[in-house]
């Protein structure tokens, strides 16, 4: 697992609204049973977006919204086989985290 890996949401019931989770935890933190992720929500179901906090990203041809304010930890065991690494959205993700935590 690596920072900016995108995983399918392990909760099948949530997938219509939240198809993916984006890992944002630092790669240097190892040995924990959890990883910090941000939900990637379906654009059509998200509603109004805060400009810097909720960037629009592309994952496997799907437009998804980074729901930064709802980040959380999930068990490592729940995250299987990344769909892709979201390097193209790196700057948008880091800007959203800076907006959330006030480091801008």
Protein backbone atom coordinates (compact mmCIF):
# COMPACT_ATOMS: atom_id res chain seq x y z
CA UNK A 1 0.00 0.00 0.00
CA UNK A 2 1.15 3.48 -0.78
CA UNK A 3 0.01 7.03 -0.37
CA UNK A 4 -2.45 8.06 -3.11
CA UNK A 5 -3.50 4.47 -3.85
CA UNK A 6 -7.21 4.22 -4.69
CA UNK A 7 -9.17 1.20 -3.43
CA UNK A 8 -12.69 0.00 -4.12
CA UNK A 9 -14.87 0.70 -1.12
CA UNK A 10 -14.97 -2.55 0.88
CA UNK A 11 -18.57 -1.81 1.96
CA UNK A 12 -20.72 -2.95 -0.98
CA UNK A 13 -23.75 -1.09 0.40
CA UNK A 14 -21.90 2.24 0.25
CA UNK A 15 -20.41 1.78 -3.24
CA UNK A 16 -23.24 3.48 -5.20
CA UNK A 17 -22.46 6.76 -3.40
CA UNK A 18 -18.84 6.11 -2.40
CA UNK A 19 -17.21 3.78 -4.91
CA UNK A 20 -13.60 4.38 -3.83
CA UNK A 21 -11.34 5.26 -0.93
CA UNK A 22 -8.09 7.20 -1.36
CA UNK A 23 -5.23 6.40 0.98
CA UNK A 24 -3.50 9.54 2.25
CA UNK A 25 -1.40 8.19 5.10
CA UNK A 26 2.34 8.83 4.95
CA UNK A 27 4.30 5.90 3.49
CA UNK A 28 6.83 6.09 6.32
CA UNK A 29 4.33 5.13 8.99
CA UNK A 30 4.40 1.36 9.06
CA UNK A 31 3.12 -1.42 11.28
CA UNK A 32 -0.33 0.01 12.04
CA UNK A 33 -3.48 -2.06 11.58
CA UNK A 34 -5.25 0.87 9.91
CA UNK A 35 -4.70 3.33 7.05
CA UNK A 36 -6.08 6.86 6.78
CA UNK A 37 -8.34 7.26 3.76
CA UNK A 38 -10.60 9.88 2.20
CA UNK A 39 -13.87 8.77 0.60
CA UNK A 40 -14.25 9.42 -3.13
CA UNK A 41 -17.93 10.11 -3.70
CA UNK A 42 -19.95 9.96 -6.90
CA UNK A 43 -20.12 13.49 -8.34
CA UNK A 44 -23.82 13.30 -9.23
CA UNK A 45 -24.77 12.35 -5.66
CA UNK A 46 -22.40 14.67 -3.80
CA UNK A 47 -24.14 18.01 -4.05
CA UNK A 48 -22.44 21.41 -3.69
CA UNK A 49 -18.66 21.30 -3.38
CA UNK A 50 -16.37 23.57 -1.39
CA UNK A 51 -13.85 24.78 -3.97
CA UNK A 52 -10.52 23.71 -2.41
CA UNK A 53 -11.85 21.16 0.06
CA UNK A 54 -13.70 18.94 -2.43
CA UNK A 55 -11.81 18.71 -5.72
CA UNK A 56 -13.24 16.76 -8.62
CA UNK A 57 -10.99 13.84 -9.61
CA UNK A 58 -11.04 11.08 -12.22
CA UNK A 59 -10.80 7.41 -11.26
CA UNK A 60 -11.18 4.71 -13.91
CA UNK A 61 -13.21 7.08 -16.09
CA UNK A 62 -15.50 8.09 -13.22
CA UNK A 63 -15.80 11.68 -11.95
CA UNK A 64 -15.54 11.52 -8.16
CA UNK A 65 -15.40 14.14 -5.42
CA UNK A 66 -12.80 14.02 -2.67
CA UNK A 67 -14.82 14.27 0.56
CA UNK A 68 -11.87 15.51 2.59
CA UNK A 69 -13.78 16.48 5.73
CA UNK A 70 -14.92 12.87 6.25
CA UNK A 71 -11.48 11.25 6.23
CA UNK A 72 -10.98 8.38 8.62
CA UNK A 73 -9.14 5.17 9.31
CA UNK A 74 -10.01 1.76 7.91
CA UNK A 75 -8.47 -1.62 8.69
CA UNK A 76 -5.59 -2.56 6.40
CA UNK A 77 -7.26 -5.94 5.85
CA UNK A 78 -10.26 -4.21 4.23
CA UNK A 79 -8.13 -2.57 1.54
CA UNK A 80 -7.41 -5.06 -1.21
CA UNK A 81 -5.75 -4.53 -4.57
CA UNK A 82 -5.48 -0.85 -5.43
CA UNK A 83 -7.39 0.24 -8.54
CA UNK A 84 -4.70 2.82 -9.36
CA UNK A 85 -2.35 5.37 -7.86
CA UNK A 86 -3.82 8.86 -8.12
CA UNK A 87 -0.58 10.74 -8.80
CA UNK A 88 -2.38 13.02 -11.28
CA UNK A 89 -4.53 14.39 -8.44
CA UNK A 90 -1.71 14.69 -5.92
CA UNK A 91 -1.64 18.52 -5.84
CA UNK A 92 -5.42 18.76 -5.49
CA UNK A 93 -5.43 16.21 -2.66
CA UNK A 94 -2.63 17.96 -0.78
CA UNK A 95 -4.35 21.34 -1.23
CA UNK A 96 -7.59 19.87 0.15
CA UNK A 97 -5.76 18.48 3.19
CA UNK A 98 -4.06 21.85 3.72
CA UNK A 99 -7.47 23.54 3.52
CA UNK A 100 -8.91 21.14 6.09
CA UNK A 101 -6.05 21.45 8.55
CA UNK A 102 -5.22 25.12 8.00
CA UNK A 103 -1.73 24.67 6.54
CA UNK A 104 -2.24 26.95 3.54
